[in-house]
């Protein structure tokens, strides 16, 4: 699913990830060129830890820097 260039932020990302959590066949998620910040990056990490079905994720060109 390509959701690049939509200018969504943390709040938008939360809604998107919530909706996608019920789609077990999703293999690719492109979130490039949005406004996902560190808070959104942490939310995304939590989502990815519980969704091993994703084969590819692209978060290029977002203003986040997440370290564990």
N, C-alpha and C. Protein backbone atom coordinates (compact mmCIF):
# COMPACT_ATOMS: atom_id res chain seq x y z
N UNK A 1 0.84 -1.16 0.00
CA UNK A 1 0.00 0.00 0.00
C UNK A 1 0.90 1.23 0.00
N UNK A 2 0.67 2.12 -0.93
CA UNK A 2 1.48 3.33 -1.05
C UNK A 2 0.73 4.52 -0.46
N UNK A 3 1.23 5.01 0.67
CA UNK A 3 0.65 6.17 1.34
C UNK A 3 1.66 7.32 1.39
N UNK A 4 2.54 7.36 0.43
CA UNK A 4 3.56 8.40 0.40
C UNK A 4 2.97 9.73 -0.06
N UNK A 5 3.65 10.82 0.32
CA UNK A 5 3.29 12.18 -0.08
C UNK A 5 1.88 12.58 0.36
N UNK A 6 1.48 12.20 1.57
CA UNK A 6 0.15 12.56 2.07
C UNK A 6 0.19 13.59 3.20
N UNK A 7 1.37 13.94 3.66
CA UNK A 7 1.57 14.95 4.70
C UNK A 7 0.88 14.61 6.02
N UNK A 8 0.68 13.33 6.30
CA UNK A 8 0.07 13.02 7.59
C UNK A 8 1.12 12.98 8.69
N UNK A 9 0.66 13.28 9.89
CA UNK A 9 1.52 13.37 11.07
C UNK A 9 1.25 12.18 11.99
N UNK A 10 1.70 12.28 13.22
CA UNK A 10 1.53 11.22 14.21
C UNK A 10 0.06 10.81 14.35
N UNK A 11 -0.82 11.78 14.46
CA UNK A 11 -2.24 11.46 14.65
C UNK A 11 -2.80 10.70 13.44
N UNK A 12 -2.47 11.13 12.25
CA UNK A 12 -2.91 10.42 11.06
C UNK A 12 -2.33 9.02 10.98
N UNK A 13 -1.07 8.90 11.35
CA UNK A 13 -0.42 7.59 11.34
C UNK A 13 -1.10 6.64 12.31
N UNK A 14 -1.48 7.12 13.48
CA UNK A 14 -2.18 6.27 14.45
C UNK A 14 -3.46 5.69 13.85
N UNK A 15 -4.22 6.51 13.17
CA UNK A 15 -5.47 6.05 12.54
C UNK A 15 -5.18 5.03 11.43
N UNK A 16 -4.18 5.30 10.64
CA UNK A 16 -3.82 4.40 9.54
C UNK A 16 -3.36 3.05 10.08
N UNK A 17 -2.48 3.05 11.08
CA UNK A 17 -1.99 1.79 11.63
C UNK A 17 -3.10 1.01 12.31
N UNK A 18 -4.02 1.71 12.94
CA UNK A 18 -5.16 1.04 13.56
C UNK A 18 -6.01 0.34 12.49
N UNK A 19 -6.25 1.02 11.39
CA UNK A 19 -7.03 0.42 10.30
C UNK A 19 -6.29 -0.75 9.66
N UNK A 20 -4.98 -0.63 9.51
CA UNK A 20 -4.20 -1.68 8.86
C UNK A 20 -3.97 -2.89 9.76
N UNK A 21 -4.16 -2.75 11.04
CA UNK A 21 -3.91 -3.87 11.95
C UNK A 21 -4.83 -5.05 11.68
N UNK A 22 -5.95 -4.81 11.02
CA UNK A 22 -6.88 -5.90 10.72
C UNK A 22 -6.72 -6.44 9.30
N UNK A 23 -5.61 -6.12 8.65
CA UNK A 23 -5.34 -6.60 7.29
C UNK A 23 -4.10 -7.48 7.29
N UNK A 24 -4.26 -8.76 7.57
CA UNK A 24 -3.11 -9.66 7.71
C UNK A 24 -2.36 -9.94 6.41
N UNK A 25 -2.94 -9.64 5.27
CA UNK A 25 -2.27 -9.93 4.00
C UNK A 25 -1.45 -8.76 3.46
N UNK A 26 -1.39 -7.67 4.20
CA UNK A 26 -0.61 -6.52 3.77
C UNK A 26 0.87 -6.88 3.80
N UNK A 27 1.53 -6.80 2.65
CA UNK A 27 2.94 -7.19 2.56
C UNK A 27 3.87 -6.00 2.41
N UNK A 28 3.36 -4.86 1.95
CA UNK A 28 4.20 -3.70 1.69
C UNK A 28 3.50 -2.43 2.16
N UNK A 29 4.24 -1.58 2.85
CA UNK A 29 3.69 -0.32 3.35
C UNK A 29 4.69 0.80 3.05
N UNK A 30 4.27 1.73 2.22
CA UNK A 30 5.14 2.84 1.82
C UNK A 30 4.60 4.11 2.48
N UNK A 31 5.40 4.65 3.39
CA UNK A 31 5.03 5.84 4.15
C UNK A 31 6.00 7.00 3.89
N UNK A 32 6.69 6.95 2.79
CA UNK A 32 7.72 7.95 2.49
C UNK A 32 7.13 9.33 2.26
N UNK A 33 7.94 10.35 2.57
CA UNK A 33 7.59 11.75 2.30
C UNK A 33 6.30 12.19 2.96
N UNK A 34 6.20 11.92 4.25
CA UNK A 34 5.10 12.42 5.06
C UNK A 34 5.69 13.28 6.17
N UNK A 35 4.96 13.48 7.23
CA UNK A 35 5.42 14.31 8.34
C UNK A 35 5.49 13.48 9.62
N UNK A 36 5.94 12.25 9.51
CA UNK A 36 6.01 11.34 10.65
C UNK A 36 7.24 11.69 11.48
N UNK A 37 6.99 12.10 12.74
CA UNK A 37 8.08 12.51 13.63
C UNK A 37 8.50 11.36 14.54
N UNK A 38 9.30 11.67 15.55
CA UNK A 38 9.80 10.64 16.47
C UNK A 38 8.67 9.88 17.16
N UNK A 39 7.64 10.61 17.57
CA UNK A 39 6.50 9.97 18.23
C UNK A 39 5.83 8.98 17.28
N UNK A 40 5.68 9.37 16.03
CA UNK A 40 5.12 8.48 15.02
C UNK A 40 6.02 7.29 14.74
N UNK A 41 7.32 7.53 14.77
CA UNK A 41 8.28 6.44 14.58
C UNK A 41 8.16 5.39 15.66
N UNK A 42 7.98 5.83 16.89
CA UNK A 42 7.80 4.88 18.00
C UNK A 42 6.50 4.09 17.84
N UNK A 43 5.46 4.76 17.41
CA UNK A 43 4.18 4.09 17.16
C UNK A 43 4.34 3.05 16.05
N UNK A 44 5.09 3.40 15.04
CA UNK A 44 5.34 2.49 13.92
C UNK A 44 6.14 1.27 14.38
N UNK A 45 7.13 1.47 15.23
CA UNK A 45 7.91 0.35 15.76
C UNK A 45 7.02 -0.61 16.54
N UNK A 46 6.14 -0.08 17.35
CA UNK A 46 5.21 -0.92 18.11
C UNK A 46 4.33 -1.73 17.16
N UNK A 47 3.84 -1.10 16.11
CA UNK A 47 3.02 -1.77 15.11
C UNK A 47 3.80 -2.89 14.44
N UNK A 48 5.04 -2.61 14.05
CA UNK A 48 5.85 -3.60 13.35
C UNK A 48 6.20 -4.80 14.21
N UNK A 49 6.36 -4.59 15.50
CA UNK A 49 6.68 -5.70 16.40
C UNK A 49 5.57 -6.74 16.45
N UNK A 50 4.36 -6.34 16.18
CA UNK A 50 3.22 -7.26 16.25
C UNK A 50 2.70 -7.67 14.88
N UNK A 51 3.36 -7.21 13.81
CA UNK A 51 2.90 -7.50 12.45
C UNK A 51 4.02 -8.06 11.59
N UNK A 52 4.42 -9.30 11.84
CA UNK A 52 5.54 -9.88 11.09
C UNK A 52 5.21 -10.19 9.62
N UNK A 53 3.98 -10.00 9.21
CA UNK A 53 3.58 -10.30 7.84
C UNK A 53 4.11 -9.26 6.85
N UNK A 54 4.49 -8.09 7.32
CA UNK A 54 5.01 -7.06 6.41
C UNK A 54 6.39 -7.45 5.90
N UNK A 55 6.55 -7.44 4.59
CA UNK A 55 7.82 -7.78 3.96
C UNK A 55 8.66 -6.55 3.65
N UNK A 56 8.00 -5.41 3.41
CA UNK A 56 8.72 -4.19 3.05
C UNK A 56 8.02 -2.98 3.65
N UNK A 57 8.82 -2.08 4.21
CA UNK A 57 8.29 -0.80 4.70
C UNK A 57 9.26 0.29 4.28
N UNK A 58 8.73 1.40 3.80
CA UNK A 58 9.54 2.53 3.35
C UNK A 58 9.12 3.77 4.13
N UNK A 59 10.04 4.33 4.90
CA UNK A 59 9.76 5.54 5.68
C UNK A 59 10.75 6.66 5.32
N UNK A 60 11.29 6.61 4.12
CA UNK A 60 12.23 7.65 3.68
C UNK A 60 11.60 9.04 3.76
N UNK A 61 12.46 10.02 4.00
CA UNK A 61 12.08 11.43 3.98
C UNK A 61 10.95 11.79 4.92
N UNK A 62 11.05 11.31 6.15
CA UNK A 62 10.17 11.71 7.24
C UNK A 62 11.06 12.31 8.33
N UNK A 63 10.55 13.29 9.07
CA UNK A 63 11.37 13.95 10.10
C UNK A 63 11.45 13.17 11.41
N UNK A 64 11.82 11.91 11.33
CA UNK A 64 11.92 11.11 12.55
C UNK A 64 13.32 10.54 12.70
N UNK A 65 13.66 10.29 13.94
CA UNK A 65 14.93 9.68 14.29
C UNK A 65 14.68 8.86 15.54
N UNK A 66 14.47 7.57 15.38
CA UNK A 66 14.08 6.72 16.50
C UNK A 66 15.22 5.77 16.84
N UNK A 67 15.58 5.76 18.10
CA UNK A 67 16.60 4.84 18.60
C UNK A 67 16.00 4.05 19.74
N UNK A 68 16.44 2.82 19.90
CA UNK A 68 16.00 1.99 21.02
C UNK A 68 17.14 1.79 21.94
